[in-house]
Amino acid sequence: MRAMRLIPPQDCRDEIARRLQAMADQHHLNAIIGVNAAAMRLAEQYQHLRRRGNILGPLHGIPIIIKDNIACASLPITLGCKGLSTVRAASDARVIQRLRAAGAIILARANMSEFAFDVRSRSSIGGDVLNPLQLTVTAGGSSGGCAAAVAAGMADAALGTDTGGSIRIPCSYTGLVGLRPAFRRSMLEGVAPLSISKDTVGPMTHSVRDAAILHAIIHGIQPDKPEAVGLRSVRLGVIRALEGEDPAQLTTWYQALDQLRMAGATIVEVDLPILTEVGSQQCLSLYEFQVAINHWLKLQQNGPASLQAIIASGDYLPEYLSLLEQMLKWQSLKTPEWLNGRRFQRRLNLNLNCSAEHYRIDAFLYPTVARQPVSLEKMPPGCAPELAAISGLPAITLPCGNTGKGLPVGMELLAKTRDEHFLLSLALACETVLQQI
């Protein structure tokens, strides 16, 4: 298994200085759009506490990167948009309160896909986020700045958001572990919205154990070390329709499946007819964004009053104009279109539960994305990331090998229930096996 990295540093000041230097050395990645000016002062305070034997918590002095749609008190929260550059967070999001209580130092704000719209990270404030593993391709989105920063050593962990794959896609592109927890609306306090029925907040790390630590902390749970399940007792349902047609990725993918079989896991092919409907469903964020963002804007200071005001300002990526204008049409929820989308969420959840029971499987398994990135432009990831996003079930991506092109391949595990603990234990077992590839 991959070693834990979220271990409180012996010298908090040296740790923060080292990470800040990494940011300066790799500024060309466009991963960071703002550094917390108080980070070094906090590191000095935390080092003084350490000398006195006063450890604040399991993250004492550990720097964390935060996606710039999660509120950190007194820092900007821009969603990557120039039109929101004057907005400052009045208070911490709930997840940030818990990180600070555990001793974490909020080091910097990460670039992202503007408004969290896209599966590549491009914003009017920070430009394109480059993949540190291959600078000519995107780091993915919309939490691409977080992924690039962690992969490049600017921090060992980041907190991102996932609406339709925004944690898992960039983690797949950069060889990280990314957890999308089960949907819980209470966890979104202080998070700028994209879709009120699909948004989640989750960890982006180098290992499953580190993801488990952050997940527990932001959910107010006492962190513990998950124990790997025995793969000989596990049945995994592979959804062949989600494997894509990328030859280099498929070679690595099949090798990974062989490794899991050799470790004792039973691999079952699962047929999921409802997948044809997943691809044709209109994203709920289309109907929810204006209502949600207007409510959020009313709570902010020194920012535009509405989505209409942002559009009128012209301070956003021009390529999003058409989408923003579409979103303006939906001024309330509970329209026929929105209700249809909500009904489909329930149908997909039921279908997944029934399939898991029919095939007697412990979790679903498929490549995180249908193909690897080839440029800085958007790569259609396929509908795989939407299974968790629409159903509300938790999912985790972890690297399962690299292609001959040098890019990692992500393997996604989708839980059959809202139990992240079992999902993390299963992911830990898979990580232990796949690390040997």
Protein backbone atom coordinates (compact mmCIF):
# COMPACT_ATOMS: atom_id res chain seq x y z
CA MET A 1 0.00 0.00 0.00
CA ARG A 2 1.12 3.57 -0.52
CA ALA A 3 2.68 5.20 2.50
CA MET A 4 0.74 7.75 4.49
CA ARG A 5 1.98 11.28 3.97
CA LEU A 6 -0.39 13.19 6.27
CA ILE A 7 1.95 13.05 9.26
CA PRO A 8 2.45 16.24 11.31
CA PRO A 9 5.85 17.73 10.43
CA GLN A 10 8.59 18.07 13.04
CA ASP A 11 9.19 21.64 11.86
CA CYS A 12 6.03 23.39 10.69
CA ARG A 13 7.95 26.40 9.40
CA ASP A 14 10.29 24.35 7.24
CA GLU A 15 7.33 22.43 5.87
CA ILE A 16 5.43 25.56 4.82
CA ALA A 17 8.59 27.16 3.40
CA ARG A 18 9.29 24.04 1.33
CA ARG A 19 5.77 23.96 -0.09
CA LEU A 20 5.80 27.68 -0.89
CA GLN A 21 9.06 27.18 -2.77
CA ALA A 22 7.48 24.33 -4.74
CA MET A 23 4.68 26.69 -5.74
CA ALA A 24 7.15 29.33 -6.87
CA ASP A 25 9.20 26.80 -8.83
CA GLN A 26 6.15 25.42 -10.59
CA HIS A 27 4.03 28.52 -11.06
CA HIS A 28 3.82 27.66 -14.78
CA LEU A 29 1.32 24.90 -13.92
CA ASN A 30 -1.29 27.57 -13.07
CA ALA A 31 -2.42 25.34 -10.20
CA ILE A 32 -2.60 28.11 -7.58
CA ILE A 33 -4.50 31.39 -7.79
CA GLY A 34 -3.83 32.69 -4.29
CA VAL A 35 -1.52 31.95 -1.35
CA ASN A 36 -2.62 32.43 2.24
CA ALA A 37 -0.39 35.27 3.45
CA ALA A 38 -0.90 34.11 7.04
CA ALA A 39 0.42 30.59 6.39
CA MET A 40 3.98 31.21 7.63
CA ARG A 41 2.78 33.11 10.70
CA LEU A 42 0.51 30.18 11.55
CA ALA A 43 3.38 27.75 11.00
CA GLU A 44 5.46 29.67 13.56
CA GLN A 45 2.60 29.58 16.06
CA TYR A 46 2.07 25.85 15.50
CA GLN A 47 5.79 25.16 15.89
CA HIS A 48 5.76 27.02 19.21
CA LEU A 49 2.80 24.88 20.32
CA ARG A 50 4.63 21.73 19.25
CA ARG A 51 7.66 22.66 21.38
CA ARG A 52 5.33 22.94 24.36
CA GLY A 53 3.84 19.52 23.59
CA ASN A 54 0.53 21.01 22.53
CA ILE A 55 -0.61 19.20 19.37
CA LEU A 56 -3.87 20.57 18.01
CA GLY A 57 -4.89 17.40 16.20
CA PRO A 58 -3.95 14.78 13.58
CA LEU A 59 -3.19 17.46 10.96
CA HIS A 60 -1.04 19.71 13.17
CA GLY A 61 1.00 21.95 10.86
CA ILE A 62 0.09 20.06 7.68
CA PRO A 63 -0.54 22.37 4.70
CA ILE A 64 -3.72 21.76 2.71
CA ILE A 65 -4.69 23.21 -0.68
CA ILE A 66 -8.32 24.32 -1.03
CA LYS A 67 -10.33 24.60 -4.23
CA ASP A 68 -11.43 28.19 -4.72
CA ASN A 69 -15.13 27.51 -4.32
CA ILE A 70 -14.81 26.54 -0.64
CA ALA A 71 -14.96 29.46 1.80
CA CYS A 72 -11.90 30.23 3.93
CA ALA A 73 -12.46 33.20 6.23
CA SER A 74 -10.97 36.51 5.02
CA LEU A 75 -9.61 34.92 1.82
CA PRO A 76 -11.05 35.47 -1.67
CA ILE A 77 -13.50 32.93 -3.03
CA THR A 78 -13.69 33.48 -6.78
CA LEU A 79 -14.76 30.23 -8.45
CA GLY A 80 -12.00 31.08 -10.93
CA CYS A 81 -14.08 33.96 -12.31
CA LYS A 82 -12.82 37.54 -12.74
CA GLY A 83 -16.34 38.77 -12.09
CA LEU A 84 -16.06 37.40 -8.54
CA SER A 85 -12.54 38.63 -7.81
CA THR A 86 -13.76 41.11 -5.18
CA VAL A 87 -15.60 38.51 -3.09
CA ARG A 88 -14.10 37.62 0.30
CA ALA A 89 -15.31 34.81 2.50
CA ALA A 90 -16.82 36.15 5.72
CA SER A 91 -16.42 32.84 7.53
CA ASP A 92 -15.09 29.34 7.08
CA ALA A 93 -17.04 26.61 5.37
CA ARG A 94 -17.94 23.79 7.75
CA VAL A 95 -15.29 21.51 6.27
CA ILE A 96 -12.63 24.23 6.70
CA GLN A 97 -13.61 24.73 10.35
CA ARG A 98 -12.97 21.04 10.93
CA LEU A 99 -9.64 21.10 9.08
CA ARG A 100 -8.43 24.03 11.19
CA ALA A 101 -9.62 22.35 14.39
CA ALA A 102 -7.53 19.31 13.42
CA GLY A 103 -4.45 21.55 13.08
CA ALA A 104 -4.27 21.95 9.31
CA ILE A 105 -2.84 25.11 7.76
CA ILE A 106 -4.78 26.41 4.77
CA LEU A 107 -1.87 27.08 2.44
CA ALA A 108 -3.38 28.26 -0.83
CA ARG A 109 -6.42 28.47 -3.06
CA ALA A 110 -6.42 26.25 -6.13
CA ASN A 111 -7.33 27.20 -9.69
CA MET A 112 -10.37 25.45 -11.08
CA SER A 113 -12.70 25.25 -14.00
CA GLU A 114 -14.59 28.53 -13.94
CA PHE A 115 -17.83 28.10 -11.95
CA ALA A 116 -16.84 24.36 -11.73
CA PHE A 117 -18.50 23.89 -15.13
CA ASP A 118 -16.01 21.71 -16.96
CA VAL A 119 -13.93 18.52 -16.88
CA ARG A 120 -10.77 20.49 -17.65
CA SER A 121 -9.63 23.36 -15.45
CA ARG A 122 -9.59 26.67 -17.30
CA SER A 123 -10.54 29.95 -15.67
CA SER A 124 -10.52 33.64 -16.48
CA ILE A 125 -8.38 34.25 -13.38
CA GLY A 126 -5.83 31.46 -13.63
CA GLY A 127 -5.86 30.20 -17.22
CA ASP A 128 -5.33 26.50 -18.02
CA VAL A 129 -4.09 24.14 -15.30
CA LEU A 130 -1.30 22.02 -16.80
CA ASN A 131 -0.78 18.40 -15.88
CA PRO A 132 2.56 18.14 -14.02
CA LEU A 133 3.04 14.63 -15.45
CA GLN A 134 2.79 15.90 -19.03
CA LEU A 135 2.64 19.65 -19.53
CA THR A 136 0.92 19.49 -22.92
CA VAL A 137 -2.28 17.98 -21.50
CA THR A 138 -4.93 19.17 -19.05
CA ALA A 139 -4.88 18.24 -15.39
CA GLY A 140 -8.62 17.65 -15.64
CA GLY A 141 -11.44 19.43 -13.92
CA SER A 142 -13.04 21.03 -12.30
CA SER A 143 -10.71 20.45 -9.30
CA GLY A 144 -7.67 20.41 -11.59
CA GLY A 145 -5.68 22.98 -9.64
CA CYS A 146 -5.95 20.82 -6.52
CA ALA A 147 -4.82 17.72 -8.41
CA ALA A 148 -1.89 19.45 -10.11
CA ALA A 149 -0.75 21.01 -6.84
CA VAL A 150 -0.74 17.71 -4.95
CA ALA A 151 0.85 15.77 -7.82
CA ALA A 152 3.58 18.44 -8.11
CA GLY A 153 4.42 18.41 -4.39
CA MET A 154 2.93 21.75 -3.38
CA ALA A 155 1.05 19.88 -0.65
CA ASP A 156 0.25 16.27 0.16
CA ALA A 157 -3.49 16.81 0.18
CA ALA A 158 -6.20 19.05 -1.16
CA LEU A 159 -9.90 19.51 -0.69
CA GLY A 160 -11.95 19.63 -3.88
CA THR A 161 -15.56 19.45 -4.92
CA ASP A 162 -17.21 16.84 -7.12
CA THR A 163 -20.51 17.41 -8.91
CA GLY A 164 -20.19 15.18 -11.97
CA GLY A 165 -16.64 13.85 -11.56
CA SER A 166 -14.67 16.98 -10.62
CA ILE A 167 -12.53 15.25 -7.98
CA ARG A 168 -12.21 11.87 -9.64
CA ILE A 169 -11.37 12.99 -13.20
CA PRO A 170 -8.34 15.16 -12.30
CA CYS A 171 -7.15 12.55 -9.79
CA SER A 172 -7.30 9.96 -12.56
CA TYR A 173 -5.35 12.23 -14.92
CA THR A 174 -2.62 12.92 -12.34
CA GLY A 175 -2.30 9.56 -10.57
CA LEU A 176 -3.94 10.46 -7.26
CA VAL A 177 -6.59 9.02 -4.98
CA GLY A 178 -9.84 10.98 -4.98
CA LEU A 179 -12.93 10.27 -2.89
CA ARG A 180 -16.41 11.50 -3.73
CA PRO A 181 -18.41 10.90 -0.53
CA ALA A 182 -22.10 10.10 -0.50
CA PHE A 183 -24.24 13.16 -1.12
CA ARG A 184 -25.01 15.00 2.13
CA ARG A 185 -26.43 18.51 1.84
CA SER A 186 -25.30 19.45 5.35
CA MET A 187 -21.66 19.17 4.25
CA LEU A 188 -22.06 21.98 1.71
CA GLU A 189 -22.33 24.87 4.17
CA GLY A 190 -19.92 27.53 2.90
CA VAL A 191 -19.36 25.89 -0.49
CA ALA A 192 -20.30 27.85 -3.60
CA PRO A 193 -22.92 25.78 -5.43
CA LEU A 194 -23.13 24.30 -8.89
CA SER A 195 -25.88 21.74 -8.31
CA ILE A 196 -27.74 21.58 -5.01
CA SER A 197 -28.65 17.93 -5.62
CA LYS A 198 -25.21 16.66 -6.68
CA ASP A 199 -22.43 18.78 -5.12
CA THR A 200 -20.02 17.06 -2.71
CA VAL A 201 -16.71 17.89 -1.00
CA GLY A 202 -13.90 15.36 -0.78
CA PRO A 203 -10.17 14.66 -0.36
CA MET A 204 -7.51 14.42 -3.07
CA THR A 205 -4.38 12.64 -1.82
CA HIS A 206 -1.55 10.25 -2.66
CA SER A 207 -2.99 7.27 -0.79
CA VAL A 208 -6.23 5.70 0.36
CA ARG A 209 -5.20 6.01 4.01
CA ASP A 210 -4.63 9.75 3.63
CA ALA A 211 -8.00 10.10 1.91
CA ALA A 212 -9.62 8.23 4.81
CA ILE A 213 -8.03 10.60 7.35
CA LEU A 214 -9.25 13.73 5.58
CA HIS A 215 -12.69 12.24 4.95
CA ALA A 216 -13.13 11.45 8.64
CA ILE A 217 -11.98 14.90 9.75
CA ILE A 218 -14.20 16.93 7.44
CA HIS A 219 -17.18 14.77 8.46
CA GLY A 220 -16.52 15.22 12.16
CA ILE A 221 -15.52 11.57 12.67
CA GLN A 222 -12.57 10.38 14.73
CA PRO A 223 -9.92 9.37 12.17
CA ASP A 224 -8.86 5.74 12.23
CA LYS A 225 -6.79 3.57 9.95
CA PRO A 226 -9.05 1.52 7.67
CA GLU A 227 -8.18 -2.16 7.52
CA ALA A 228 -8.00 -3.72 4.07
CA VAL A 229 -10.71 -6.28 3.41
CA GLY A 230 -9.67 -9.74 2.26
CA LEU A 231 -10.04 -9.76 -1.52
CA ARG A 232 -10.70 -13.51 -1.54
CA SER A 233 -14.13 -12.79 -0.09
CA VAL A 234 -14.89 -9.89 -2.46
CA ARG A 235 -16.97 -9.87 -5.63
CA LEU A 236 -16.45 -6.87 -7.91
CA GLY A 237 -18.89 -6.03 -10.69
CA VAL A 238 -17.07 -4.77 -13.78
CA ILE A 239 -19.23 -2.63 -16.07
CA ARG A 240 -17.77 -3.44 -19.50
CA ALA A 241 -19.84 -0.73 -21.21
CA LEU A 242 -17.78 1.87 -19.34
CA GLU A 243 -14.34 0.62 -20.34
CA GLY A 244 -14.02 2.95 -23.32
CA GLU A 245 -11.95 2.43 -26.47
CA ASP A 246 -8.56 3.91 -25.57
CA PRO A 247 -6.13 1.08 -26.51
CA ALA A 248 -3.29 2.22 -24.22
CA GLN A 249 -5.62 2.64 -21.28
CA LEU A 250 -7.37 -0.70 -21.89
CA THR A 251 -4.07 -2.60 -21.84
CA THR A 252 -3.28 -1.19 -18.41
CA TRP A 253 -6.86 -1.70 -17.24
CA TYR A 254 -6.92 -5.42 -18.12
CA GLN A 255 -3.56 -5.93 -16.42
CA ALA A 256 -5.01 -4.37 -13.28
CA LEU A 257 -8.06 -6.66 -13.39
CA ASP A 258 -5.74 -9.67 -13.76
CA GLN A 259 -3.83 -8.52 -10.67
CA LEU A 260 -7.03 -8.31 -8.65
CA ARG A 261 -8.04 -11.80 -9.81
CA MET A 262 -4.65 -13.19 -8.87
CA ALA A 263 -5.09 -11.65 -5.42
CA GLY A 264 -8.31 -13.61 -5.01
CA ALA A 265 -11.04 -11.15 -6.01
CA THR A 266 -13.95 -12.51 -8.04
CA ILE A 267 -14.57 -10.33 -11.09
CA VAL A 268 -18.14 -10.42 -12.39
CA GLU A 269 -19.31 -8.77 -15.60
CA VAL A 270 -22.32 -6.58 -14.89
CA ASP A 271 -24.89 -5.48 -17.43
CA LEU A 272 -26.51 -2.14 -16.61
CA PRO A 273 -29.13 -1.26 -19.28
CA ILE A 274 -29.95 2.08 -17.65
CA LEU A 275 -26.54 3.37 -18.80
CA THR A 276 -28.06 4.33 -22.15
CA GLU A 277 -30.27 6.78 -20.28
CA VAL A 278 -27.43 8.20 -18.15
CA GLY A 279 -25.70 9.56 -21.24
CA SER A 280 -28.87 11.23 -22.52
CA GLN A 281 -29.87 12.90 -19.24
CA GLN A 282 -29.56 16.68 -19.08
CA CYS A 283 -27.37 17.66 -16.12
CA LEU A 284 -29.38 18.96 -13.15
CA SER A 285 -26.94 21.83 -12.72
CA LEU A 286 -28.43 23.40 -15.86
CA TYR A 287 -31.71 23.87 -13.97
CA GLU A 288 -30.27 24.54 -10.52
CA PHE A 289 -27.31 26.83 -11.05
CA GLN A 290 -29.00 30.22 -11.34
CA VAL A 291 -31.26 29.65 -8.33
CA ALA A 292 -28.37 28.35 -6.24
CA ILE A 293 -25.72 30.91 -7.24
CA ASN A 294 -28.09 33.87 -6.82
CA HIS A 295 -28.87 32.74 -3.28
CA TRP A 296 -25.14 32.32 -2.60
CA LEU A 297 -24.33 35.76 -4.03
CA LYS A 298 -26.82 37.42 -1.69
CA LEU A 299 -24.79 36.09 1.24
CA GLN A 300 -21.46 37.44 -0.03
CA GLN A 301 -19.83 40.83 0.45
CA ASN A 302 -18.48 43.09 -2.29
CA GLY A 303 -19.60 40.88 -5.15
CA PRO A 304 -22.12 41.02 -8.02
CA ALA A 305 -25.76 40.75 -7.07
CA SER A 306 -26.77 37.99 -9.45
CA LEU A 307 -25.78 35.68 -12.28
CA GLN A 308 -27.28 38.22 -14.65
CA ALA A 309 -24.90 40.85 -13.27
CA ILE A 310 -21.91 38.57 -13.82
CA ILE A 311 -22.95 38.01 -17.43
CA ALA A 312 -23.48 41.73 -17.96
CA SER A 313 -19.97 42.45 -16.66
CA GLY A 314 -18.33 40.27 -19.30
CA ASP A 315 -15.74 39.20 -16.69
CA TYR A 316 -15.77 35.47 -17.39
CA LEU A 317 -14.56 33.08 -20.08
CA PRO A 318 -16.41 34.00 -23.31
CA GLU A 319 -16.77 30.33 -24.22
CA TYR A 320 -19.25 29.93 -21.35
CA LEU A 321 -21.63 32.62 -22.55
CA SER A 322 -23.97 30.21 -24.32
CA LEU A 323 -24.20 27.92 -21.28
CA LEU A 324 -24.75 30.84 -18.90
CA GLU A 325 -27.54 32.18 -21.09
CA GLN A 326 -29.19 28.76 -21.06
CA MET A 327 -29.01 28.72 -17.28
CA LEU A 328 -30.72 32.11 -17.10
CA LYS A 329 -33.89 30.48 -18.45
CA TRP A 330 -34.37 28.43 -15.29
CA GLN A 331 -35.47 30.81 -12.55
CA SER A 332 -37.01 28.33 -10.13
CA LEU A 333 -36.87 24.70 -9.13
CA LYS A 334 -39.63 22.10 -9.38
CA THR A 335 -40.07 22.65 -13.10
CA PRO A 336 -41.04 19.53 -15.11
CA GLU A 337 -37.45 19.20 -16.32
CA TRP A 338 -36.01 19.44 -12.82
CA LEU A 339 -38.54 16.98 -11.39
CA ASN A 340 -37.74 14.54 -14.19
CA GLY A 341 -34.05 14.76 -13.32
CA ARG A 342 -34.77 14.11 -9.65
CA ARG A 343 -36.90 11.09 -10.54
CA PHE A 344 -34.05 9.73 -12.63
CA GLN A 345 -31.72 10.03 -9.63
CA ARG A 346 -34.01 7.74 -7.67
CA ARG A 347 -34.36 5.32 -10.59
CA LEU A 348 -30.60 5.03 -11.07
CA ASN A 349 -30.06 4.47 -7.35
CA LEU A 350 -32.66 1.69 -7.38
CA ASN A 351 -31.15 0.12 -10.52
CA LEU A 352 -27.69 0.04 -8.97
CA ASN A 353 -29.03 -1.50 -5.76
CA CYS A 354 -30.95 -4.15 -7.69
CA SER A 355 -27.93 -4.94 -9.88
CA ALA A 356 -25.67 -5.30 -6.85
CA GLU A 357 -28.15 -7.73 -5.31
CA HIS A 358 -28.67 -9.67 -8.56
CA TYR A 359 -24.96 -10.17 -9.22
CA ARG A 360 -24.12 -10.52 -5.50
CA ILE A 361 -21.34 -7.97 -5.73
CA ASP A 362 -19.68 -5.80 -3.10
CA ALA A 363 -18.93 -2.83 -5.38
CA PHE A 364 -18.96 -1.75 -9.02
CA LEU A 365 -15.71 -1.34 -10.91
CA TYR A 366 -14.74 0.54 -14.10
CA PRO A 367 -12.13 2.95 -15.49
CA THR A 368 -12.61 6.41 -14.00
CA VAL A 369 -12.58 8.01 -17.44
CA ALA A 370 -13.19 6.58 -20.90
CA ARG A 371 -9.94 7.92 -22.35
CA GLN A 372 -6.79 9.75 -21.40
CA PRO A 373 -6.22 13.45 -22.10
CA VAL A 374 -4.37 14.37 -25.29
CA SER A 375 -4.39 18.19 -25.11
CA LEU A 376 -5.42 21.12 -22.93
CA GLU A 377 -8.93 20.90 -24.31
CA LYS A 378 -11.88 19.12 -22.76
CA MET A 379 -11.80 15.33 -23.08
CA PRO A 380 -15.26 13.71 -22.84
CA PRO A 381 -14.83 11.38 -19.84
CA GLY A 382 -17.81 9.16 -20.68
CA CYS A 383 -20.72 8.65 -18.33
CA ALA A 384 -18.80 6.64 -15.70
CA PRO A 385 -18.30 9.58 -13.27
CA GLU A 386 -22.02 10.33 -13.43
CA LEU A 387 -23.02 7.03 -11.79
CA ALA A 388 -21.94 8.27 -8.37
CA ALA A 389 -22.92 11.86 -9.10
CA ILE A 390 -26.51 11.04 -10.04
CA SER A 391 -27.11 8.18 -7.60
CA GLY A 392 -25.56 9.97 -4.61
CA LEU A 393 -23.50 6.87 -3.75
CA PRO A 394 -19.84 7.24 -2.75
CA ALA A 395 -17.05 6.44 -5.22
CA ILE A 396 -13.26 6.49 -5.11
CA THR A 397 -10.65 6.58 -7.84
CA LEU A 398 -7.14 5.22 -7.41
CA PRO A 399 -4.30 4.72 -9.89
CA CYS A 400 -4.07 1.19 -11.31
CA GLY A 401 -1.00 1.59 -13.52
CA ASN A 402 0.50 3.72 -16.27
CA THR A 403 0.31 3.51 -20.02
CA GLY A 404 3.25 3.44 -22.38
CA LYS A 405 2.58 7.15 -22.90
CA GLY A 406 3.48 7.78 -19.28
CA LEU A 407 0.05 8.83 -18.04
CA PRO A 408 -1.73 7.08 -15.16
CA VAL A 409 -4.95 5.10 -15.48
CA GLY A 410 -7.61 5.53 -12.82
CA MET A 411 -9.79 2.73 -11.44
CA GLU A 412 -13.07 3.74 -9.87
CA LEU A 413 -14.90 1.79 -7.20
CA LEU A 414 -18.57 2.64 -6.69
CA ALA A 415 -20.18 1.53 -3.44
CA LYS A 416 -23.55 -0.18 -3.43
CA THR A 417 -24.57 1.65 -0.24
CA ARG A 418 -23.72 4.99 1.40
CA ASP A 419 -20.97 3.29 3.44
CA GLU A 420 -17.65 5.08 2.83
CA HIS A 421 -15.91 3.00 5.50
CA PHE A 422 -16.30 -0.25 3.57
CA LEU A 423 -15.47 1.50 0.29
CA LEU A 424 -12.21 2.82 1.75
CA SER A 425 -11.32 -0.61 3.16
CA LEU A 426 -11.95 -2.17 -0.25
CA ALA A 427 -9.95 0.56 -2.00
CA LEU A 428 -7.07 -0.03 0.43
CA ALA A 429 -7.02 -3.72 -0.47
CA CYS A 430 -7.02 -2.90 -4.20
CA GLU A 431 -4.32 -0.25 -3.73
CA THR A 432 -2.07 -2.79 -2.00
CA VAL A 433 -2.36 -5.17 -4.96
CA LEU A 434 -2.18 -2.56 -7.74
CA GLN A 435 0.91 -0.89 -6.31
CA GLN A 436 2.80 -3.98 -7.40
CA ILE A 437 2.05 -3.42 -11.12
